[in-house]
Structure formats: C-alpha cells, structure tokens
C-alpha cells in the first residue's frame, strides 16, 4: 500500500497537480532514499510554484540527506 501512495504522488507530479502531491506527502515520514527524494521533489516544486523559500529549504535538506548517506 505505501508504494501505491508513492505512485499516486508521481502521477500527480507528472500531471502538474503539485498541491495534491504535497497533501499526500505532508504526513509521511520518509524512511527510504526514494521517499526522501520524492518528498524533496514535492517540496521543490511547491517552492517554485508558490515562491516559498521555506519549501525550497526543506527540499534542499532532503536532497543533502540523501546525497550524504552511504
């Protein structure tokens, strides 16, 4: 079931429905690199659409976390 949720987030992102993707990812605590990356992408897209520096900062943190992991 968690994979279905991630697939739905990807679907929303591909169809430029960023708010819906954000709503699905909002309560999710990432535990795998794929989840961290997806959460980072959602935050980056939200930051670009809304002009929110906070979303962009969160996205950067997720990407750095994945990039610095073994």
C-alpha atoms as a PDB file:
ATOM      1  CA  UNK A   1       0.000   0.000   0.000  1.00  0.00           C
ATOM      2  CA  UNK A   2       2.766   2.556   0.695  1.00  0.00           C
ATOM      3  CA  UNK A   3       4.074   2.016  -2.832  1.00  0.00           C
ATOM      4  CA  UNK A   4       0.647   2.870  -4.241  1.00  0.00           C
ATOM      5  CA  UNK A   5       0.740   6.165  -2.362  1.00  0.00           C
ATOM      6  CA  UNK A   6       4.151   6.992  -3.841  1.00  0.00           C
ATOM      7  CA  UNK A   7       2.926   6.063  -7.324  1.00  0.00           C
ATOM      8  CA  UNK A   8      -0.035   8.400  -6.868  1.00  0.00           C
ATOM      9  CA  UNK A   9       2.328  11.210  -5.850  1.00  0.00           C
ATOM     10  CA  UNK A  10       4.380  10.627  -9.015  1.00  0.00           C
ATOM     11  CA  UNK A  11       1.159  10.657 -11.061  1.00  0.00           C
ATOM     12  CA  UNK A  12       0.141  13.987  -9.522  1.00  0.00           C
ATOM     13  CA  UNK A  13       3.566  15.489 -10.198  1.00  0.00           C
ATOM     14  CA  UNK A  14       3.535  14.379 -13.829  1.00  0.00           C
ATOM     15  CA  UNK A  15       0.114  15.981 -14.250  1.00  0.00           C
ATOM     16  CA  UNK A  16       1.217  19.234 -12.583  1.00  0.00           C
ATOM     17  CA  UNK A  17      -1.065  18.681  -9.591  1.00  0.00           C
ATOM     18  CA  UNK A  18       1.559  19.681  -7.052  1.00  0.00           C
ATOM     19  CA  UNK A  19      -0.859  20.629  -4.260  1.00  0.00           C
ATOM     20  CA  UNK A  20      -2.400  17.145  -4.318  1.00  0.00           C
ATOM     21  CA  UNK A  21       1.053  15.545  -4.234  1.00  0.00           C
ATOM     22  CA  UNK A  22       2.017  17.768  -1.311  1.00  0.00           C
ATOM     23  CA  UNK A  23      -1.118  16.783   0.570  1.00  0.00           C
ATOM     24  CA  UNK A  24      -0.231  13.082   0.233  1.00  0.00           C
ATOM     25  CA  UNK A  25       3.381  13.606   1.298  1.00  0.00           C
ATOM     26  CA  UNK A  26       2.679  16.052   4.122  1.00  0.00           C
ATOM     27  CA  UNK A  27       2.124  13.432   6.858  1.00  0.00           C
ATOM     28  CA  UNK A  28       4.632  10.924   5.523  1.00  0.00           C
ATOM     29  CA  UNK A  29       7.887  10.316   7.388  1.00  0.00           C
ATOM     30  CA  UNK A  30      10.361   9.110   4.747  1.00  0.00           C
ATOM     31  CA  UNK A  31      12.387   6.007   5.539  1.00  0.00           C
ATOM     32  CA  UNK A  32      13.895   5.018   2.175  1.00  0.00           C
ATOM     33  CA  UNK A  33      16.034   7.061  -0.234  1.00  0.00           C
ATOM     34  CA  UNK A  34      13.197   7.009  -2.776  1.00  0.00           C
ATOM     35  CA  UNK A  35      10.802   8.515  -0.242  1.00  0.00           C
ATOM     36  CA  UNK A  36      13.309  11.219   0.739  1.00  0.00           C
ATOM     37  CA  UNK A  37      13.900  12.102  -2.914  1.00  0.00           C
ATOM     38  CA  UNK A  38      10.187  12.192  -3.702  1.00  0.00           C
ATOM     39  CA  UNK A  39       9.487  14.361  -0.671  1.00  0.00           C
ATOM     40  CA  UNK A  40      12.326  16.655  -1.769  1.00  0.00           C
ATOM     41  CA  UNK A  41      10.922  16.914  -5.296  1.00  0.00           C
ATOM     42  CA  UNK A  42       7.445  17.731  -3.991  1.00  0.00           C
ATOM     43  CA  UNK A  43       8.840  20.436  -1.714  1.00  0.00           C
ATOM     44  CA  UNK A  44      10.987  21.861  -4.523  1.00  0.00           C
ATOM     45  CA  UNK A  45       8.015  22.051  -6.875  1.00  0.00           C
ATOM     46  CA  UNK A  46       5.830  23.614  -4.173  1.00  0.00           C
ATOM     47  CA  UNK A  47       8.559  26.156  -3.505  1.00  0.00           C
ATOM     48  CA  UNK A  48       8.821  27.066  -7.169  1.00  0.00           C
ATOM     49  CA  UNK A  49       5.073  27.318  -7.716  1.00  0.00           C
ATOM     50  CA  UNK A  50       4.343  29.291  -4.548  1.00  0.00           C
ATOM     51  CA  UNK A  51       7.626  31.172  -4.389  1.00  0.00           C
ATOM     52  CA  UNK A  52       8.169  29.710  -0.924  1.00  0.00           C
ATOM     53  CA  UNK A  53      11.741  29.790   0.343  1.00  0.00           C
ATOM     54  CA  UNK A  54      10.711  27.510   3.220  1.00  0.00           C
ATOM     55  CA  UNK A  55       9.676  24.709   0.842  1.00  0.00           C
ATOM     56  CA  UNK A  56      12.915  25.114  -1.104  1.00  0.00           C
ATOM     57  CA  UNK A  57      14.942  24.973   2.098  1.00  0.00           C
ATOM     58  CA  UNK A  58      13.192  21.756   3.170  1.00  0.00           C
ATOM     59  CA  UNK A  59      13.769  20.259  -0.293  1.00  0.00           C
ATOM     60  CA  UNK A  60      17.461  21.105  -0.057  1.00  0.00           C
ATOM     61  CA  UNK A  61      17.682  19.376   3.324  1.00  0.00           C
ATOM     62  CA  UNK A  62      16.106  16.196   1.949  1.00  0.00           C
ATOM     63  CA  UNK A  63      18.432  16.161  -1.054  1.00  0.00           C
ATOM     64  CA  UNK A  64      21.509  16.770   1.087  1.00  0.00           C
ATOM     65  CA  UNK A  65      20.473  13.990   3.455  1.00  0.00           C
ATOM     66  CA  UNK A  66      20.235  11.500   0.590  1.00  0.00           C
ATOM     67  CA  UNK A  67      23.404  12.788  -1.061  1.00  0.00           C
ATOM     68  CA  UNK A  68      25.492  12.473   2.063  1.00  0.00           C
ATOM     69  CA  UNK A  69      24.301   8.989   3.000  1.00  0.00           C
ATOM     70  CA  UNK A  70      26.386   5.892   2.343  1.00  0.00           C
END
